[in-house]
Protein backbone atom coordinates (compact mmCIF):
# COMPACT_ATOMS: atom_id res chain seq x y z
CA MET A 1 -0.08 -0.10 0.16
CA ALA A 2 2.78 2.56 0.64
CA GLY A 3 3.99 1.94 -2.82
CA VAL A 4 0.75 2.94 -4.21
CA ASN A 5 0.50 6.09 -1.93
CA THR A 6 3.89 6.89 -2.72
CA THR A 7 3.45 6.68 -6.63
CA GLY A 8 0.09 8.66 -6.40
CA ARG A 9 1.84 11.35 -4.03
CA ARG A 10 4.57 11.64 -7.04
CA LEU A 11 2.00 12.31 -9.59
CA GLU A 12 0.41 14.91 -7.71
CA MET A 13 3.85 16.55 -7.13
CA VAL A 14 4.13 16.76 -10.64
CA THR A 15 1.13 18.45 -11.51
CA LEU A 16 1.87 21.37 -8.56
CA LEU A 17 5.05 21.80 -10.44
CA GLN A 18 3.03 22.33 -13.60
CA ALA A 19 0.47 24.71 -11.69
CA ARG A 20 2.88 26.51 -9.65
CA PRO A 21 6.44 26.92 -11.11
CA GLY A 22 8.90 27.93 -8.70
CA ILE A 23 7.01 26.24 -5.77
CA SER A 24 9.09 25.53 -2.49
CA ALA A 25 9.81 22.31 -0.94
CA SER A 26 7.89 23.43 2.41
CA GLU A 27 4.94 24.40 0.26
CA LEU A 28 5.31 20.98 -1.63
CA ALA A 29 5.26 19.03 1.77
CA ARG A 30 2.33 21.04 3.24
CA ARG A 31 0.24 20.48 0.07
CA LEU A 32 1.07 16.64 -0.15
CA GLY A 33 1.07 16.06 3.46
CA VAL A 34 4.57 14.79 4.31
CA THR A 35 7.86 16.25 5.53
CA GLU A 36 9.91 18.54 3.77
CA ARG A 37 12.78 16.05 3.93
CA THR A 38 10.07 13.33 2.22
CA ALA A 39 9.12 16.30 -0.47
CA ARG A 40 12.92 16.35 -1.32
CA ARG A 41 13.47 12.89 -1.70
CA ASP A 42 10.50 12.59 -4.22
CA ILE A 43 11.72 15.26 -6.37
CA GLY A 44 14.71 13.19 -6.39
CA GLN A 45 12.84 10.32 -7.36
CA LEU A 46 11.27 12.17 -10.02
CA ARG A 47 14.64 13.23 -11.38
CA GLU A 48 15.80 9.50 -11.65
CA LEU A 49 12.42 8.64 -13.44
CA GLY A 50 13.44 11.21 -16.44
CA TYR A 51 11.71 14.41 -15.09
CA ARG A 52 13.68 17.37 -15.65
CA ILE A 53 13.21 19.58 -12.69
CA ASP A 54 15.16 22.86 -11.98
CA ALA A 55 15.87 24.12 -8.25
CA ALA A 56 16.59 27.84 -7.58
CA PRO A 57 18.27 28.66 -4.25
CA GLY A 58 17.22 31.29 -1.65
CA ARG A 59 14.42 32.96 -0.22
CA GLY A 60 12.50 33.57 -3.80
CA GLY A 61 13.74 30.28 -5.08
CA GLY A 62 11.93 26.78 -5.59
CA TYR A 63 11.11 24.17 -8.08
CA ARG A 64 9.95 24.03 -11.40
CA LEU A 65 9.78 21.77 -14.40
CA ALA A 66 12.48 22.76 -17.11
CA ARG A 67 11.53 24.63 -20.19
CA GLY A 68 11.41 22.23 -22.74
CA ALA A 69 11.61 19.64 -20.49
CA SER A 70 10.93 15.99 -21.86
CA ILE A 71 8.47 14.36 -19.75
CA PRO A 72 8.03 10.48 -19.90
CA ALA A 73 5.86 9.18 -22.47
CA LEU A 74 2.26 7.74 -21.90
CA MET A 75 2.60 3.83 -22.55
CA LEU A 76 -0.91 3.60 -24.23
CA ASP A 77 -1.60 2.90 -27.89
CA GLY A 78 -4.11 4.52 -29.90
CA ASP A 79 -6.97 2.74 -29.08
CA GLU A 80 -6.06 2.37 -25.38
CA LEU A 81 -5.66 6.41 -25.29
CA LEU A 82 -9.22 6.74 -27.29
CA ALA A 83 -10.72 4.45 -24.38
CA VAL A 84 -9.04 6.17 -21.50
CA VAL A 85 -10.08 10.06 -22.90
CA LEU A 86 -13.39 9.14 -23.81
CA GLY A 87 -13.86 7.56 -20.42
CA LEU A 88 -12.53 10.63 -18.89
CA ARG A 89 -14.47 12.95 -20.85
CA THR A 90 -17.85 10.89 -19.75
CA ALA A 91 -16.78 10.88 -15.59
CA ALA A 92 -16.20 14.85 -16.13
CA GLY A 93 -19.82 15.24 -15.70
CA ILE A 94 -20.32 12.98 -12.80
CA GLY A 95 -20.78 14.48 -9.55
CA ASP A 96 -17.89 13.80 -7.22
CA ILE A 97 -15.24 12.46 -9.67
CA ALA A 98 -15.69 15.41 -11.91
CA THR A 99 -12.70 17.02 -10.38
CA ALA A 100 -10.47 13.93 -10.64
CA ALA A 101 -11.38 13.38 -14.16
CA ALA A 102 -10.27 17.10 -15.08
CA THR A 103 -6.88 16.57 -13.29
CA ALA A 104 -6.14 13.24 -15.11
CA LEU A 105 -7.07 14.57 -18.78
CA ALA A 106 -4.93 17.51 -17.82
CA LYS A 107 -1.95 14.96 -16.77
CA ILE A 108 -2.38 12.72 -19.82
CA ALA A 109 -2.25 16.22 -22.08
CA THR A 110 1.30 16.73 -21.36
CA ILE A 111 2.41 13.35 -21.20
CA VAL A 112 0.97 12.04 -24.70
CA PRO A 113 3.76 11.36 -27.13
CA ALA A 114 3.94 13.80 -30.20
CA ARG A 115 2.63 11.11 -32.62
CA MET A 116 -0.90 10.88 -30.66
CA GLN A 117 -1.38 14.66 -30.04
CA GLN A 118 -3.40 14.65 -33.38
CA ARG A 119 -5.87 11.90 -31.93
CA LEU A 120 -5.98 13.55 -28.71
CA ASN A 121 -7.01 17.07 -30.08
CA ALA A 122 -9.42 15.31 -32.24
CA LEU A 123 -11.01 13.93 -29.38
CA ALA A 124 -11.36 17.37 -27.80
CA GLU A 125 -13.68 18.13 -30.58
CA ILE A 126 -16.21 15.67 -29.73
CA GLY A 127 -19.37 16.84 -28.33
CA HIS A 128 -19.22 20.24 -29.90
CA ALA A 129 -20.66 19.55 -33.36
CA ASP A 130 -24.02 21.38 -32.56
CA GLU A 131 -22.86 23.94 -30.21
CA THR A 132 -21.01 27.00 -30.32
CA ARG A 133 -17.75 26.43 -28.99
CA ARG A 134 -16.56 27.90 -25.70
CA ILE A 135 -12.91 27.78 -25.10
CA VAL A 136 -11.77 27.22 -21.59
CA ASP A 137 -7.88 27.88 -20.87
CA GLY A 138 -6.18 24.66 -19.75
CA ALA A 139 -4.34 26.36 -17.21
CA VAL A 140 -7.60 27.80 -15.39
CA LEU A 141 -9.20 24.54 -15.61
CA VAL A 142 -6.15 22.71 -13.71
CA ALA A 143 -5.56 25.55 -11.38
CA LEU A 144 -9.22 25.35 -10.16
CA ALA A 145 -9.20 21.57 -10.43
CA LEU A 146 -6.52 21.70 -7.91
CA ALA A 147 -8.02 24.23 -5.63
CA CYS A 148 -11.32 22.13 -5.47
CA ARG A 149 -9.51 18.96 -4.80
CA GLN A 150 -7.32 20.73 -1.79
CA ARG A 151 -10.09 23.17 -0.68
CA GLU A 152 -7.89 26.31 -1.31
CA ALA A 153 -9.23 29.62 -1.96
CA VAL A 154 -8.60 31.54 -5.26
CA ARG A 155 -8.37 35.00 -6.79
CA ILE A 156 -9.66 35.28 -10.36
CA ARG A 157 -9.81 37.47 -12.94
CA ARG A 158 -13.14 37.34 -15.55
CA ARG A 159 -12.69 39.00 -19.03
CA VAL A 160 -16.15 40.22 -18.85
CA ASP A 161 -14.93 42.90 -15.87
CA ASP A 162 -11.39 42.64 -15.29
CA ARG A 163 -12.26 42.67 -11.54
CA ALA A 164 -10.02 40.86 -8.99
CA ARG A 165 -12.40 38.07 -7.17
CA THR A 166 -11.94 36.18 -4.22
CA LEU A 167 -13.67 32.57 -4.33
CA GLN A 168 -13.79 29.40 -2.23
CA PRO A 169 -14.08 26.54 -4.91
CA LEU A 170 -16.32 23.42 -4.22
CA GLN A 171 -16.66 21.49 -7.52
CA LEU A 172 -16.11 21.61 -11.08
CA VAL A 173 -19.06 20.43 -13.16
CA HIS A 174 -19.09 19.50 -16.73
CA LEU A 175 -22.48 20.40 -18.71
CA GLY A 176 -23.42 20.68 -22.16
CA GLY A 177 -19.94 20.55 -23.39
CA MET A 178 -18.73 23.51 -20.94
CA TRP A 179 -17.12 23.58 -17.57
CA TYR A 180 -18.52 25.40 -14.85
CA LEU A 181 -17.10 26.04 -11.16
CA VAL A 182 -19.35 25.94 -8.15
CA ALA A 183 -18.11 28.69 -5.88
CA CYS A 184 -18.71 31.15 -2.96
CA GLU A 185 -17.50 34.77 -3.19
CA ARG A 186 -15.76 35.97 -0.07
CA ASP A 187 -18.01 37.49 2.31
CA SER A 188 -20.96 36.17 0.31
CA PRO A 189 -23.99 34.18 1.59
CA ALA A 190 -24.69 32.11 -1.00
CA TRP A 191 -22.85 29.88 -3.51
CA ARG A 192 -22.60 30.70 -7.26
CA THR A 193 -22.06 28.85 -10.53
CA TRP A 194 -19.07 30.52 -12.71
CA ALA A 195 -18.42 29.62 -16.45
CA LEU A 196 -14.83 28.60 -16.84
CA ASP A 197 -14.73 30.14 -20.23
CA ARG A 198 -15.11 33.70 -18.68
CA ILE A 199 -12.05 33.00 -16.52
CA ASP A 200 -8.64 34.53 -17.49
CA THR A 201 -6.60 34.01 -14.46
CA VAL A 202 -6.30 31.77 -11.22
CA GLU A 203 -3.97 32.70 -8.13
CA PRO A 204 -4.10 30.22 -5.18
CA ILE A 205 -4.01 32.28 -1.86
CA GLY A 206 -3.03 29.37 0.28
CA ARG A 207 -6.09 29.01 2.93
CA SER A 208 -9.67 28.32 2.83
CA LEU A 209 -12.40 30.64 3.28
CA PRO A 210 -15.52 30.37 5.51
CA THR A 211 -18.43 29.80 3.49
CA PRO A 212 -22.43 28.58 4.01
CA LEU A 213 -23.51 25.06 4.12
CA PRO A 214 -22.68 23.85 0.22
CA PRO A 215 -25.39 22.29 -2.13
CA GLU A 216 -25.41 18.66 -1.50
CA ASP A 217 -25.73 17.97 -5.54
CA PRO A 218 -23.56 20.29 -7.21
CA VAL A 219 -24.71 19.07 -10.77
CA GLY A 220 -28.38 19.77 -9.97
CA PHE A 221 -27.06 23.32 -8.40
CA VAL A 222 -25.53 24.10 -11.70
CA THR A 223 -28.35 22.77 -13.86
CA ARG A 224 -31.01 24.98 -11.75
CA SER A 225 -28.76 27.91 -11.96
CA LEU A 226 -28.15 27.87 -15.71
CA ALA A 227 -32.31 27.60 -15.72
CA ARG A 228 -32.98 31.09 -14.42
CA GLY A 229 -33.69 33.54 -16.82
CA ARG A 230 -35.27 31.27 -19.00
CA ARG A 231 -39.19 32.04 -20.04
CA HIS A 232 -40.76 28.89 -19.68
CA ALA A 233 -39.99 26.51 -16.47
CA VAL A 234 -41.28 22.85 -17.23
CA ARG A 235 -42.35 20.47 -14.85
CA LEU A 236 -43.57 17.13 -16.04
CA ARG A 237 -44.83 13.83 -14.15
CA VAL A 238 -43.35 10.53 -14.85
CA ASP A 239 -44.75 7.21 -13.54
CA ALA A 240 -41.64 5.78 -12.60
CA PRO A 241 -39.33 5.70 -9.58
CA VAL A 242 -36.57 8.62 -9.64
CA GLU A 243 -33.92 6.21 -9.82
CA VAL A 244 -35.31 4.68 -13.38
CA VAL A 245 -35.61 8.22 -14.51
CA ARG A 246 -32.39 9.62 -13.76
CA ALA A 247 -30.66 7.01 -15.55
CA TRP A 248 -32.29 8.09 -18.93
CA VAL A 249 -32.78 11.68 -18.63
CA PRO A 250 -29.10 13.50 -18.22
CA PRO A 251 -29.00 16.17 -15.43
CA SER A 252 -27.52 18.51 -18.08
CA VAL A 253 -31.15 18.04 -19.68
CA ALA A 254 -33.47 18.13 -16.79
CA GLU A 255 -33.84 17.68 -13.08
CA ALA A 256 -35.37 14.74 -11.68
CA VAL A 257 -36.96 14.86 -8.08
CA GLY A 258 -38.56 11.89 -6.36
CA ASP A 259 -42.34 12.18 -5.86
CA GLY A 260 -43.75 9.55 -3.81
CA ASP A 261 -43.85 6.35 -6.18
CA GLY A 262 -43.27 8.52 -9.23
CA CYS A 263 -40.95 11.30 -10.11
CA GLU A 264 -41.04 15.10 -11.44
CA LEU A 265 -38.79 16.27 -14.08
CA ARG A 266 -38.04 19.88 -14.03
CA LEU A 267 -36.29 22.18 -16.72
CA ALA A 268 -36.49 25.51 -18.07
CA THR A 269 -36.49 26.29 -21.95
CA ASP A 270 -37.01 29.33 -24.62
CA ASP A 271 -38.03 26.88 -27.06
CA ILE A 272 -41.32 25.48 -26.31
CA ALA A 273 -41.64 23.76 -29.85
CA ALA A 274 -38.22 21.89 -29.03
CA ALA A 275 -39.44 20.79 -25.34
CA ALA A 276 -42.54 19.59 -27.04
CA ARG A 277 -40.72 17.49 -29.15
CA TRP A 278 -38.60 16.17 -26.56
CA VAL A 279 -41.53 15.28 -24.38
CA MET A 280 -43.15 13.27 -27.22
CA SER A 281 -39.91 11.18 -27.34
CA LEU A 282 -40.11 10.29 -23.65
CA GLY A 283 -43.87 8.65 -24.46
CA PRO A 284 -47.48 8.79 -23.75
CA GLU A 285 -46.89 7.87 -19.92
CA VAL A 286 -45.33 11.24 -19.19
CA GLU A 287 -47.76 14.04 -17.76
CA VAL A 288 -47.44 18.04 -18.44
CA VAL A 289 -48.08 19.75 -14.95
CA GLU A 290 -47.12 23.06 -16.38
CA PRO A 291 -46.75 25.34 -18.28
CA ASP A 292 -49.97 25.61 -20.38
CA GLU A 293 -48.05 26.74 -23.37
CA LEU A 294 -46.42 23.30 -23.37
CA ARG A 295 -49.83 21.76 -23.57
CA ALA A 296 -51.07 23.95 -26.42
CA GLN A 297 -47.77 23.20 -28.50
CA LEU A 298 -48.28 19.42 -27.84
CA ALA A 299 -51.93 19.45 -28.85
CA VAL A 300 -50.79 21.22 -32.07
CA PHE A 301 -48.30 18.43 -32.81
CA GLY A 302 -50.81 15.87 -32.07
CA SER A 303 -53.38 17.35 -34.22
CA ALA A 304 -51.14 17.63 -37.08
CA LEU A 305 -50.35 13.82 -36.69
CA VAL A 306 -53.77 12.73 -36.39
CA GLU A 307 -54.61 14.91 -39.59
CA ARG A 308 -51.64 12.99 -41.39
CA TYR A 309 -51.95 9.53 -40.13
CA GLY A 310 -55.15 9.53 -38.73
CA ARG A 311 -56.92 7.74 -41.75
CA ALA A 312 -54.35 5.06 -41.60
């Protein structure tokens, strides 16, 4: 077991060296939960494995991966790489493992051999064919994933207002092909959803901030946050257990809430016609609770279907 812990700690150390060039041995030790002597020994072991790590002496010195350093290649063939990356991209939207999936993807991106980079870049395009592509800075994603894992507050700047804000991150969530951060701003009484594509810089501040009680379901929290401001709130009654409904309705589409023996689906939309087509795809056992506009649109579609196919 000790060997497994040591390997995991050294992988975490590589991630810290990538995210925070110039980090000191004492800071590495604090973040990894080991002594400074152990941290220095791990640096030596990483060097023996082929990692080029520079050390600057003095008060302002620290460790950093050498510029142009050759990191040992990932020993996966093309098909194995495809399977791993697709699996991690799927896991990136699943509850508590979203942060681990994000950091794992970031590590793979840095150690994939050059001959496989084209395939990795192609995989990054999956899921964006029918969306407006919203680019997230990789350094921002990695820094926030680390902050979530270590429960460390960060100072961010967003391009929309160029104003410094101090946040306590909780969790990264991947929905609809986009990354979001659930975080609480300093001295704020509420948690918020922050879109990563609007964040320019992230700076860890080395400590945690006091926060209100966090949401139990960060994925549901982000889904509800994104729904605010939509014109139509939709509620559907489904005669099936909530666990069954959650298995076939993604949280990025609708929130499933237990309701006795059945379940209620809640979503918001600006496009009633699209919502009606989706409800029709669920089958006749789904009942519309609200809004009236959705019932009316379903009646229009139903009449058109009867008109076209009723004689047959």
